[in-house]
Amino acid sequence: MATVDSTITPGDHPAHHDGDGHDPRRRDFINIAAVAWAGVGAGVIVLPLINQMNPSADVLALSTTEIDISKIEPGQSIKSTFRKQPLFVRNLTPKEIAEADAVAISDLRDPQSLEERTKAGKKNWLITLGVCTHLGCVPLGAGEGENKGPFGGYFCPCHGSAYDTAGRIRQGPAPTNLVVPEYAFTSDTVVTVG
């Protein structure tokens, strides 16, 4: 009959060892600690790389434009800039609104109503980028005394694109209406574009 050695040294419990005498709990701890350190190291390396892709302060400053519209009389337009592009802000007269509303949407190359191009309750304020959709020229008509073209809106003399009072293409090679950027009325006298 074989005898079993029942001598166990303190801190050496047989349930905590594998067949080779190694403690699997210690091995698991070392693996977890190594993976955690690798994750922290990867974070330290990757975070600055991702952070450098954020836009700089000067770019963020250009991302919105505030315009005071309190001095723009009905029938008057102003030119401003938004993201280094010309921006037209026009206070339409009741006559200009009526002319835009009288046009049949089906007659338009890029069908949009004036309501779709302005904010609810602010139908008299037309805000568009001042860039012709044909080749990127700056149309005339956003200032007093300028040629507004045959439809009373904007006119691009380079190739003859004519836009109506709602900034919709009516004649010439431009394929689409003047672009209406994202904007919001932050008060009765201030518009924030962007």
N, C-alpha and C. Protein backbone atom coordinates (compact mmCIF):
# COMPACT_ATOMS: atom_id res chain seq x y z
N MET A 1 0.82 -1.15 0.00
CA MET A 1 0.00 0.00 0.00
C MET A 1 0.88 1.23 0.00
N ALA A 2 0.54 2.20 -0.88
CA ALA A 2 1.34 3.40 -0.97
C ALA A 2 0.86 4.41 0.05
N THR A 3 1.77 5.17 0.51
CA THR A 3 1.40 6.20 1.49
C THR A 3 1.36 7.56 0.80
N VAL A 4 0.46 8.37 1.23
CA VAL A 4 0.30 9.71 0.66
C VAL A 4 0.92 10.70 1.63
N ASP A 5 1.77 11.58 1.06
CA ASP A 5 2.39 12.60 1.90
C ASP A 5 1.37 13.70 2.12
N SER A 6 0.96 13.84 3.32
CA SER A 6 -0.06 14.83 3.63
C SER A 6 0.55 16.09 4.21
N THR A 7 1.82 16.29 3.99
CA THR A 7 2.48 17.47 4.54
C THR A 7 2.28 18.64 3.56
N ILE A 8 1.67 19.71 4.00
CA ILE A 8 1.45 20.90 3.18
C ILE A 8 2.12 22.06 3.88
N THR A 9 2.93 22.74 3.15
CA THR A 9 3.61 23.89 3.75
C THR A 9 2.65 25.07 3.77
N PRO A 10 2.80 25.99 4.71
CA PRO A 10 1.89 27.13 4.81
C PRO A 10 1.91 27.96 3.51
N GLY A 11 0.70 28.39 3.05
CA GLY A 11 0.56 29.20 1.84
C GLY A 11 0.68 28.39 0.57
N ASP A 12 0.76 27.08 0.67
CA ASP A 12 0.95 26.23 -0.49
C ASP A 12 -0.21 25.26 -0.56
N HIS A 13 -1.36 25.77 -1.00
CA HIS A 13 -2.55 24.93 -1.05
C HIS A 13 -2.58 24.21 -2.39
N PRO A 14 -2.81 22.92 -2.45
CA PRO A 14 -2.76 22.17 -3.69
C PRO A 14 -3.81 22.60 -4.72
N ALA A 15 -4.89 23.21 -4.31
CA ALA A 15 -5.93 23.62 -5.26
C ALA A 15 -5.49 24.82 -6.10
N HIS A 16 -4.45 25.55 -5.69
CA HIS A 16 -3.99 26.73 -6.39
C HIS A 16 -2.81 26.46 -7.31
N HIS A 17 -2.51 25.25 -7.61
CA HIS A 17 -1.39 24.90 -8.48
C HIS A 17 -1.88 24.01 -9.60
N ASP A 18 -1.25 24.16 -10.79
CA ASP A 18 -1.56 23.23 -11.86
C ASP A 18 -0.61 22.05 -11.75
N GLY A 19 -0.60 21.20 -12.71
CA GLY A 19 0.22 20.00 -12.64
C GLY A 19 1.72 20.27 -12.59
N ASP A 20 2.16 21.46 -13.08
CA ASP A 20 3.58 21.77 -13.10
C ASP A 20 4.03 22.54 -11.87
N GLY A 21 3.13 22.82 -10.95
CA GLY A 21 3.49 23.55 -9.75
C GLY A 21 3.37 25.06 -9.89
N HIS A 22 2.74 25.56 -10.99
CA HIS A 22 2.56 26.99 -11.19
C HIS A 22 1.19 27.43 -10.69
N ASP A 23 1.09 28.65 -10.22
CA ASP A 23 -0.17 29.19 -9.72
C ASP A 23 -0.91 29.88 -10.88
N PRO A 24 -2.07 29.35 -11.38
CA PRO A 24 -2.77 29.94 -12.52
C PRO A 24 -3.32 31.33 -12.22
N ARG A 25 -3.63 31.64 -10.97
CA ARG A 25 -4.13 32.97 -10.64
C ARG A 25 -3.06 34.01 -10.87
N ARG A 26 -1.84 33.70 -10.57
CA ARG A 26 -0.74 34.63 -10.77
C ARG A 26 -0.51 34.85 -12.28
N ARG A 27 -0.58 33.81 -13.05
CA ARG A 27 -0.40 33.90 -14.50
C ARG A 27 -1.51 34.78 -15.11
N ASP A 28 -2.76 34.60 -14.68
CA ASP A 28 -3.86 35.43 -15.17
C ASP A 28 -3.64 36.90 -14.81
N PHE A 29 -3.18 37.15 -13.60
CA PHE A 29 -2.92 38.53 -13.18
C PHE A 29 -1.84 39.17 -14.05
N ILE A 30 -0.78 38.45 -14.34
CA ILE A 30 0.31 38.99 -15.16
C ILE A 30 -0.19 39.27 -16.58
N ASN A 31 -1.01 38.38 -17.13
CA ASN A 31 -1.58 38.60 -18.47
C ASN A 31 -2.48 39.84 -18.50
N ILE A 32 -3.33 39.98 -17.52
CA ILE A 32 -4.23 41.13 -17.46
C ILE A 32 -3.44 42.42 -17.28
N ALA A 33 -2.45 42.39 -16.42
CA ALA A 33 -1.62 43.58 -16.20
C ALA A 33 -0.87 43.97 -17.47
N ALA A 34 -0.36 43.01 -18.20
CA ALA A 34 0.38 43.30 -19.43
C ALA A 34 -0.55 43.91 -20.49
N VAL A 35 -1.75 43.36 -20.64
CA VAL A 35 -2.71 43.90 -21.61
C VAL A 35 -3.14 45.31 -21.20
N ALA A 36 -3.35 45.54 -19.91
CA ALA A 36 -3.74 46.87 -19.44
C ALA A 36 -2.64 47.89 -19.74
N TRP A 37 -1.39 47.54 -19.48
CA TRP A 37 -0.29 48.46 -19.77
C TRP A 37 -0.17 48.72 -21.27
N ALA A 38 -0.41 47.71 -22.08
CA ALA A 38 -0.36 47.90 -23.54
C ALA A 38 -1.48 48.85 -23.97
N GLY A 39 -2.67 48.70 -23.38
CA GLY A 39 -3.79 49.59 -23.70
C GLY A 39 -3.49 51.03 -23.31
N VAL A 40 -2.93 51.24 -22.15
CA VAL A 40 -2.57 52.59 -21.70
C VAL A 40 -1.51 53.17 -22.64
N GLY A 41 -0.53 52.37 -23.01
CA GLY A 41 0.52 52.83 -23.92
C GLY A 41 -0.04 53.21 -25.28
N ALA A 42 -0.96 52.41 -25.79
CA ALA A 42 -1.59 52.72 -27.08
C ALA A 42 -2.39 54.01 -26.98
N GLY A 43 -3.09 54.21 -25.88
CA GLY A 43 -3.85 55.44 -25.67
C GLY A 43 -2.95 56.67 -25.63
N VAL A 44 -1.82 56.55 -24.97
CA VAL A 44 -0.87 57.66 -24.88
C VAL A 44 -0.32 58.02 -26.26
N ILE A 45 -0.14 57.04 -27.11
CA ILE A 45 0.39 57.29 -28.45
C ILE A 45 -0.71 57.80 -29.39
N VAL A 46 -1.89 57.21 -29.35
CA VAL A 46 -2.95 57.52 -30.31
C VAL A 46 -3.67 58.84 -29.99
N LEU A 47 -3.86 59.18 -28.73
CA LEU A 47 -4.62 60.37 -28.36
C LEU A 47 -4.05 61.65 -28.97
N PRO A 48 -2.74 61.91 -28.90
CA PRO A 48 -2.23 63.12 -29.56
C PRO A 48 -2.41 63.10 -31.08
N LEU A 49 -2.33 61.92 -31.68
CA LEU A 49 -2.53 61.84 -33.13
C LEU A 49 -3.95 62.20 -33.53
N ILE A 50 -4.92 61.74 -32.76
CA ILE A 50 -6.32 62.05 -33.04
C ILE A 50 -6.60 63.52 -32.71
N ASN A 51 -6.04 64.01 -31.61
CA ASN A 51 -6.27 65.38 -31.18
C ASN A 51 -5.75 66.40 -32.19
N GLN A 52 -4.67 66.09 -32.88
CA GLN A 52 -4.13 67.03 -33.85
C GLN A 52 -5.01 67.17 -35.08
N MET A 53 -5.99 66.26 -35.27
CA MET A 53 -6.91 66.36 -36.39
C MET A 53 -8.08 67.31 -36.11
N ASN A 54 -8.24 67.79 -34.88
CA ASN A 54 -9.31 68.73 -34.56
C ASN A 54 -9.04 70.06 -35.25
N PRO A 55 -10.09 70.78 -35.65
CA PRO A 55 -9.88 72.07 -36.31
C PRO A 55 -9.25 73.07 -35.35
N SER A 56 -8.43 73.96 -35.90
CA SER A 56 -7.78 74.97 -35.09
C SER A 56 -8.77 76.06 -34.71
N ALA A 57 -8.37 76.93 -33.80
CA ALA A 57 -9.25 77.99 -33.30
C ALA A 57 -9.68 78.94 -34.41
N ASP A 58 -8.77 79.26 -35.33
CA ASP A 58 -9.15 80.18 -36.41
C ASP A 58 -10.16 79.55 -37.36
N VAL A 59 -10.07 78.24 -37.56
CA VAL A 59 -11.06 77.55 -38.40
C VAL A 59 -12.41 77.52 -37.71
N LEU A 60 -12.43 77.25 -36.41
CA LEU A 60 -13.69 77.24 -35.67
C LEU A 60 -14.34 78.62 -35.67
N ALA A 61 -13.53 79.67 -35.62
CA ALA A 61 -14.07 81.03 -35.64
C ALA A 61 -14.76 81.33 -36.97
N LEU A 62 -14.27 80.75 -38.06
CA LEU A 62 -14.87 80.97 -39.37
C LEU A 62 -16.08 80.10 -39.63
N SER A 63 -16.37 79.16 -38.75
CA SER A 63 -17.44 78.20 -39.01
C SER A 63 -18.83 78.81 -38.89
N THR A 64 -18.96 79.94 -38.20
CA THR A 64 -20.24 80.64 -38.13
C THR A 64 -20.01 82.13 -38.39
N THR A 65 -21.05 82.78 -38.85
CA THR A 65 -21.01 84.22 -39.10
C THR A 65 -22.28 84.83 -38.53
N GLU A 66 -22.13 85.89 -37.74
CA GLU A 66 -23.29 86.61 -37.22
C GLU A 66 -23.48 87.88 -38.03
N ILE A 67 -24.72 88.15 -38.42
CA ILE A 67 -25.03 89.32 -39.23
C ILE A 67 -26.12 90.12 -38.56
N ASP A 68 -25.86 91.42 -38.39
CA ASP A 68 -26.86 92.34 -37.86
C ASP A 68 -27.72 92.79 -39.03
N ILE A 69 -29.00 92.44 -39.00
CA ILE A 69 -29.90 92.76 -40.12
C ILE A 69 -30.79 93.96 -39.82
N SER A 70 -30.55 94.62 -38.70
CA SER A 70 -31.43 95.72 -38.29
C SER A 70 -31.39 96.91 -39.23
N LYS A 71 -30.31 97.10 -39.95
CA LYS A 71 -30.17 98.27 -40.83
C LYS A 71 -30.51 97.97 -42.30
N ILE A 72 -30.89 96.74 -42.61
CA ILE A 72 -31.21 96.38 -44.00
C ILE A 72 -32.68 96.68 -44.26
N GLU A 73 -32.91 97.66 -45.10
CA GLU A 73 -34.27 98.11 -45.43
C GLU A 73 -34.91 97.14 -46.42
N PRO A 74 -36.25 97.08 -46.48
CA PRO A 74 -36.91 96.26 -47.50
C PRO A 74 -36.45 96.66 -48.90
N GLY A 75 -36.13 95.66 -49.72
CA GLY A 75 -35.63 95.87 -51.07
C GLY A 75 -34.12 96.00 -51.13
N GLN A 76 -33.47 96.00 -49.98
CA GLN A 76 -32.03 96.18 -49.93
C GLN A 76 -31.33 94.84 -49.70
N SER A 77 -30.12 94.71 -50.26
CA SER A 77 -29.29 93.51 -50.08
C SER A 77 -27.93 93.94 -49.57
N ILE A 78 -27.28 93.06 -48.84
CA ILE A 78 -25.90 93.30 -48.43
C ILE A 78 -25.07 92.07 -48.78
N LYS A 79 -23.78 92.30 -48.91
CA LYS A 79 -22.83 91.21 -49.10
C LYS A 79 -22.05 91.05 -47.81
N SER A 80 -21.87 89.81 -47.41
CA SER A 80 -21.03 89.49 -46.26
C SER A 80 -20.17 88.30 -46.68
N THR A 81 -19.50 87.67 -45.73
CA THR A 81 -18.74 86.47 -46.04
C THR A 81 -19.08 85.37 -45.04
N PHE A 82 -19.04 84.17 -45.54
CA PHE A 82 -19.27 82.98 -44.72
C PHE A 82 -18.31 81.91 -45.21
N ARG A 83 -17.40 81.48 -44.34
CA ARG A 83 -16.38 80.49 -44.70
C ARG A 83 -15.63 80.89 -45.97
N LYS A 84 -15.24 82.14 -46.01
CA LYS A 84 -14.47 82.73 -47.10
C LYS A 84 -15.21 82.75 -48.43
N GLN A 85 -16.54 82.64 -48.39
CA GLN A 85 -17.35 82.75 -49.60
C GLN A 85 -18.30 83.93 -49.44
N PRO A 86 -18.68 84.57 -50.55
CA PRO A 86 -19.64 85.67 -50.45
C PRO A 86 -21.00 85.16 -49.98
N LEU A 87 -21.65 85.97 -49.19
CA LEU A 87 -22.97 85.65 -48.65
C LEU A 87 -23.89 86.82 -48.95
N PHE A 88 -25.05 86.54 -49.53
CA PHE A 88 -26.02 87.59 -49.83
C PHE A 88 -27.15 87.52 -48.82
N VAL A 89 -27.47 88.65 -48.22
CA VAL A 89 -28.60 88.76 -47.29
C VAL A 89 -29.53 89.81 -47.88
N ARG A 90 -30.75 89.42 -48.15
CA ARG A 90 -31.68 90.30 -48.84
C ARG A 90 -32.99 90.40 -48.07
N ASN A 91 -33.46 91.63 -47.88
CA ASN A 91 -34.75 91.89 -47.24
C ASN A 91 -35.75 92.13 -48.37
N LEU A 92 -36.53 91.12 -48.69
CA LEU A 92 -37.47 91.19 -49.81
C LEU A 92 -38.65 92.11 -49.51
N THR A 93 -39.07 92.84 -50.52
CA THR A 93 -40.26 93.68 -50.40
C THR A 93 -41.50 92.80 -50.61
N PRO A 94 -42.66 93.28 -50.20
CA PRO A 94 -43.89 92.52 -50.49
C PRO A 94 -44.06 92.25 -51.98
N LYS A 95 -43.65 93.19 -52.83
CA LYS A 95 -43.76 93.00 -54.28
C LYS A 95 -42.85 91.86 -54.74
N GLU A 96 -41.60 91.82 -54.23
CA GLU A 96 -40.66 90.76 -54.60
C GLU A 96 -41.16 89.40 -54.12
N ILE A 97 -41.75 89.36 -52.94
CA ILE A 97 -42.32 88.11 -52.42
C ILE A 97 -43.47 87.65 -53.32
N ALA A 98 -44.33 88.60 -53.71
CA ALA A 98 -45.47 88.27 -54.59
C ALA A 98 -44.98 87.76 -55.94
N GLU A 99 -43.93 88.38 -56.49
CA GLU A 99 -43.37 87.94 -57.76
C GLU A 99 -42.82 86.51 -57.66
N ALA A 100 -42.12 86.23 -56.56
CA ALA A 100 -41.56 84.88 -56.37
C ALA A 100 -42.67 83.85 -56.20
N ASP A 101 -43.73 84.22 -55.46
CA ASP A 101 -44.84 83.29 -55.24
C ASP A 101 -45.67 83.07 -56.50
N ALA A 102 -45.66 84.03 -57.43
CA ALA A 102 -46.47 83.92 -58.64
C ALA A 102 -45.87 82.96 -59.66
N VAL A 103 -44.60 82.60 -59.51
CA VAL A 103 -43.94 81.71 -60.46
C VAL A 103 -44.41 80.27 -60.21
N ALA A 104 -44.83 79.60 -61.26
CA ALA A 104 -45.23 78.19 -61.14
C ALA A 104 -43.99 77.34 -60.88
N ILE A 105 -44.04 76.55 -59.84
CA ILE A 105 -42.90 75.70 -59.47
C ILE A 105 -42.50 74.78 -60.62
N SER A 106 -43.48 74.34 -61.39
CA SER A 106 -43.20 73.42 -62.51
C SER A 106 -42.39 74.10 -63.62
N ASP A 107 -42.37 75.44 -63.64
CA ASP A 107 -41.61 76.17 -64.65
C ASP A 107 -40.13 76.33 -64.27
N LEU A 108 -39.77 75.93 -63.07
CA LEU A 108 -38.41 76.15 -62.58
C LEU A 108 -37.50 74.97 -62.89
N ARG A 109 -36.27 75.28 -63.22
CA ARG A 109 -35.26 74.24 -63.48
C ARG A 109 -34.94 73.47 -62.20
N ASP A 110 -34.83 74.18 -61.10
CA ASP A 110 -34.56 73.58 -59.78
C ASP A 110 -35.75 73.97 -58.90
N PRO A 111 -36.83 73.18 -58.93
CA PRO A 111 -38.09 73.59 -58.31
C PRO A 111 -38.01 73.73 -56.79
N GLN A 112 -38.14 74.96 -56.32
CA GLN A 112 -38.24 75.27 -54.89
C GLN A 112 -39.10 76.51 -54.74
N SER A 113 -39.96 76.48 -53.74
CA SER A 113 -40.77 77.66 -53.46
C SER A 113 -39.98 78.61 -52.56
N LEU A 114 -40.46 79.83 -52.44
CA LEU A 114 -39.82 80.80 -51.55
C LEU A 114 -39.88 80.32 -50.11
N GLU A 115 -40.98 79.66 -49.74
CA GLU A 115 -41.12 79.13 -48.37
C GLU A 115 -40.04 78.11 -48.05
N GLU A 116 -39.63 77.32 -49.05
CA GLU A 116 -38.58 76.32 -48.84
C GLU A 116 -37.20 76.96 -48.69
N ARG A 117 -37.05 78.17 -49.17
CA ARG A 117 -35.75 78.84 -49.17
C ARG A 117 -35.60 79.86 -48.04
N THR A 118 -36.68 80.08 -47.27
CA THR A 118 -36.65 81.02 -46.16
C THR A 118 -37.18 80.34 -44.91
N LYS A 119 -37.03 81.00 -43.77
CA LYS A 119 -37.53 80.47 -42.50
C LYS A 119 -39.00 80.87 -42.29
N ALA A 120 -39.73 80.02 -41.59
CA ALA A 120 -41.14 80.28 -41.30
C ALA A 120 -41.27 81.59 -40.51
N GLY A 121 -42.18 82.43 -40.95
CA GLY A 121 -42.39 83.72 -40.28
C GLY A 121 -41.38 84.78 -40.67
N LYS A 122 -40.39 84.43 -41.46
CA LYS A 122 -39.34 85.38 -41.89
C LYS A 122 -39.18 85.28 -43.41
N LYS A 123 -40.29 85.20 -44.11
CA LYS A 123 -40.29 84.99 -45.55
C LYS A 123 -39.58 86.12 -46.30
N ASN A 124 -39.48 87.29 -45.69
CA ASN A 124 -38.85 88.42 -46.36
C ASN A 124 -37.32 88.36 -46.31
N TRP A 125 -36.75 87.46 -45.55
CA TRP A 125 -35.28 87.38 -45.43
C TRP A 125 -34.76 86.22 -46.26
N LEU A 126 -34.08 86.55 -47.36
CA LEU A 126 -33.46 85.55 -48.21
C LEU A 126 -31.96 85.57 -47.97
N ILE A 127 -31.41 84.45 -47.55
CA ILE A 127 -29.98 84.34 -47.27
C ILE A 127 -29.41 83.23 -48.14
N THR A 128 -28.48 83.59 -49.03
CA THR A 128 -27.89 82.61 -49.95
C THR A 128 -26.39 82.83 -50.04
N LEU A 129 -25.69 81.79 -50.46
CA LEU A 129 -24.28 81.95 -50.79
C LEU A 129 -24.23 82.71 -52.11
N GLY A 130 -23.31 83.64 -52.22
CA GLY A 130 -23.19 84.45 -53.43
C GLY A 130 -22.25 83.83 -54.44
N VAL A 131 -22.53 82.57 -54.77
CA VAL A 131 -21.68 81.84 -55.70
C VAL A 131 -22.57 81.23 -56.77
N CYS A 132 -22.34 81.64 -58.03
CA CYS A 132 -23.12 81.10 -59.14
C CYS A 132 -22.88 79.59 -59.21
N THR A 133 -23.94 78.84 -59.39
CA THR A 133 -23.84 77.38 -59.40
C THR A 133 -23.34 76.84 -60.73
N HIS A 134 -23.00 77.72 -61.67
CA HIS A 134 -22.45 77.27 -62.94
C HIS A 134 -20.95 77.04 -62.81
N LEU A 135 -20.20 78.14 -62.62
CA LEU A 135 -18.74 78.00 -62.52
C LEU A 135 -18.16 78.69 -61.28
N GLY A 136 -19.00 79.10 -60.34
CA GLY A 136 -18.50 79.67 -59.10
C GLY A 136 -18.21 81.15 -59.13
N CYS A 137 -18.74 81.87 -60.11
CA CYS A 137 -18.56 83.33 -60.16
C CYS A 137 -19.44 83.97 -59.09
N VAL A 138 -19.23 85.25 -58.82
CA VAL A 138 -20.05 85.98 -57.88
C VAL A 138 -21.07 86.80 -58.67
N PRO A 139 -22.35 86.47 -58.57
CA PRO A 139 -23.37 87.21 -59.32
C PRO A 139 -23.51 88.64 -58.82
N LEU A 140 -24.03 89.51 -59.68
CA LEU A 140 -24.35 90.88 -59.31
C LEU A 140 -25.76 90.92 -58.74
N GLY A 141 -26.06 92.01 -58.05
CA GLY A 141 -27.42 92.20 -57.56
C GLY A 141 -27.53 92.30 -56.06
N ALA A 142 -26.45 92.13 -55.33
CA ALA A 142 -26.51 92.23 -53.87
C ALA A 142 -25.96 93.58 -53.43
N GLY A 143 -26.48 94.63 -54.00
CA GLY A 143 -26.05 95.97 -53.64
C GLY A 143 -26.84 96.97 -54.44
N GLU A 144 -26.94 98.16 -53.95
CA GLU A 144 -27.75 99.17 -54.64
C GLU A 144 -27.10 99.56 -55.96
N GLY A 145 -27.91 99.73 -56.97
CA GLY A 145 -27.44 100.18 -58.26
C GLY A 145 -26.83 99.09 -59.12
N GLU A 146 -26.77 97.85 -58.64
CA GLU A 146 -26.17 96.78 -59.44
C GLU A 146 -27.20 96.16 -60.37
N ASN A 147 -26.72 95.57 -61.46
CA ASN A 147 -27.60 94.90 -62.42
C ASN A 147 -28.18 93.65 -61.78
N LYS A 148 -29.49 93.63 -61.60
CA LYS A 148 -30.13 92.48 -60.97
C LYS A 148 -30.67 91.50 -61.99
N GLY A 149 -30.44 91.75 -63.26
CA GLY A 149 -30.86 90.81 -64.28
C GLY A 149 -32.32 90.93 -64.63
N PRO A 150 -32.77 90.10 -65.58
CA PRO A 150 -34.14 90.21 -66.08
C PRO A 150 -35.22 89.76 -65.10
N PHE A 151 -34.84 89.08 -64.02
CA PHE A 151 -35.85 88.59 -63.08
C PHE A 151 -35.79 89.31 -61.73
N GLY A 152 -35.02 90.39 -61.67
CA GLY A 152 -34.97 91.23 -60.47
C GLY A 152 -34.21 90.63 -59.30
N GLY A 153 -33.51 89.54 -59.51
CA GLY A 153 -32.79 88.90 -58.42
C GLY A 153 -31.29 89.12 -58.53
N TYR A 154 -30.59 88.13 -59.03
CA TYR A 154 -29.14 88.19 -59.19
C TYR A 154 -28.80 87.82 -60.62
N PHE A 155 -27.68 88.38 -61.12
CA PHE A 155 -27.29 88.14 -62.50
C PHE A 155 -25.79 87.88 -62.54
N CYS A 156 -25.39 86.78 -63.18
CA CYS A 156 -23.98 86.44 -63.34
C CYS A 156 -23.58 86.81 -64.77
N PRO A 157 -22.82 87.90 -64.96
CA PRO A 157 -22.52 88.36 -66.32
C PRO A 157 -21.52 87.46 -67.07
N CYS A 158 -20.83 86.59 -66.37
CA CYS A 158 -19.84 85.74 -67.03
C CYS A 158 -20.45 84.88 -68.12
N HIS A 159 -21.56 84.20 -67.81
CA HIS A 159 -22.19 83.32 -68.79
C HIS A 159 -23.70 83.55 -68.89
N GLY A 160 -24.20 84.59 -68.22
CA GLY A 160 -25.60 84.97 -68.39
C GLY A 160 -26.60 84.24 -67.51
N SER A 161 -26.17 83.66 -66.39
CA SER A 161 -27.14 83.02 -65.49
C SER A 161 -27.92 84.09 -64.75
N ALA A 162 -29.25 83.97 -64.77
CA ALA A 162 -30.12 84.95 -64.12
C ALA A 162 -30.96 84.24 -63.07
N TYR A 163 -31.00 84.84 -61.88
CA TYR A 163 -31.75 84.29 -60.75
C TYR A 163 -32.87 85.26 -60.40
N ASP A 164 -33.99 84.74 -59.90
CA ASP A 164 -35.11 85.61 -59.54
C ASP A 164 -34.95 86.14 -58.12
N THR A 165 -35.99 86.80 -57.62
CA THR A 165 -35.92 87.42 -56.30
C THR A 165 -35.77 86.40 -55.17
N ALA A 166 -36.05 85.14 -55.44
CA ALA A 166 -35.87 84.07 -54.44
C ALA A 166 -34.54 83.34 -54.62
N GLY A 167 -33.67 83.84 -55.51
CA GLY A 167 -32.37 83.21 -55.74
C GLY A 167 -32.48 81.90 -56.53
N ARG A 168 -33.57 81.76 -57.28
CA ARG A 168 -33.78 80.54 -58.08
C ARG A 168 -33.31 80.77 -59.51
N ILE A 169 -32.65 79.79 -60.10
CA ILE A 169 -32.16 79.92 -61.47
C ILE A 169 -33.34 79.98 -62.43
N ARG A 170 -33.30 80.98 -63.33
CA ARG A 170 -34.40 81.15 -64.28
C ARG A 170 -33.93 81.14 -65.72
N GLN A 171 -32.64 81.48 -65.92
CA GLN A 171 -32.13 81.57 -67.29
C GLN A 171 -30.62 81.39 -67.25
N GLY A 172 -30.06 80.80 -68.30
CA GLY A 172 -28.61 80.65 -68.38
C GLY A 172 -28.16 79.25 -68.03
N PRO A 173 -26.85 79.02 -68.00
CA PRO A 173 -26.32 77.66 -67.83
C PRO A 173 -26.27 77.12 -66.41
N ALA A 174 -26.50 77.93 -65.40
CA ALA A 174 -26.42 77.44 -64.01
C ALA A 174 -27.44 76.32 -63.80
N PRO A 175 -27.03 75.20 -63.24
CA PRO A 175 -27.95 74.06 -63.10
C PRO A 175 -28.90 74.13 -61.90
N THR A 176 -28.48 74.83 -60.85
CA THR A 176 -29.30 74.84 -59.63
C THR A 176 -29.42 76.25 -59.07
N ASN A 177 -30.31 76.39 -58.09
CA ASN A 177 -30.53 77.67 -57.41
C ASN A 177 -29.29 78.05 -56.60
N LEU A 178 -29.23 79.34 -56.21
CA LEU A 178 -28.18 79.75 -55.27
C LEU A 178 -28.38 78.97 -53.97
N VAL A 179 -27.29 78.54 -53.38
CA VAL A 179 -27.34 77.67 -52.19
C VAL A 179 -27.77 78.47 -50.97
N VAL A 180 -28.72 77.92 -50.22
CA VAL A 180 -29.14 78.51 -48.95
C VAL A 180 -28.39 77.75 -47.84
N PRO A 181 -27.49 78.44 -47.12
CA PRO A 181 -26.74 77.75 -46.06
C PRO A 181 -27.62 77.55 -44.82
N GLU A 182 -27.13 76.76 -43.89
CA GLU A 182 -27.82 76.61 -42.60
C GLU A 182 -27.73 77.95 -41.87
N TYR A 183 -28.86 78.42 -41.34
CA TYR A 183 -28.84 79.67 -40.57
C TYR A 183 -30.00 79.66 -39.60
N ALA A 184 -29.90 80.55 -38.60
CA ALA A 184 -30.96 80.67 -37.60
C ALA A 184 -31.03 82.11 -37.14
N PHE A 185 -32.24 82.57 -36.84
CA PHE A 185 -32.42 83.90 -36.28
C PHE A 185 -32.21 83.78 -34.77
N THR A 186 -31.12 84.36 -34.26
CA THR A 186 -30.85 84.30 -32.83
C THR A 186 -31.57 85.41 -32.08
N SER A 187 -32.04 86.43 -32.80
CA SER A 187 -32.90 87.48 -32.26
C SER A 187 -33.63 88.10 -33.44
N ASP A 188 -34.41 89.13 -33.19
CA ASP A 188 -35.11 89.79 -34.29
C ASP A 188 -34.18 90.55 -35.21
N THR A 189 -32.95 90.84 -34.73
CA THR A 189 -32.03 91.64 -35.52
C THR A 189 -30.71 90.93 -35.85
N VAL A 190 -30.55 89.69 -35.42
CA VAL A 190 -29.29 88.97 -35.66
C VAL A 190 -29.56 87.60 -36.25
N VAL A 191 -28.81 87.30 -37.32
CA VAL A 191 -28.86 85.98 -37.97
C VAL A 191 -27.50 85.34 -37.80
N THR A 192 -27.49 84.07 -37.37
CA THR A 192 -26.24 83.32 -37.29
C THR A 192 -26.25 82.29 -38.40
N VAL A 193 -25.26 82.41 -39.29
CA VAL A 193 -25.13 81.50 -40.42
C VAL A 193 -24.09 80.46 -40.06
N GLY A 194 -24.43 79.19 -40.29
CA GLY A 194 -23.49 78.10 -39.99
C GLY A 194 -23.90 77.29 -38.81
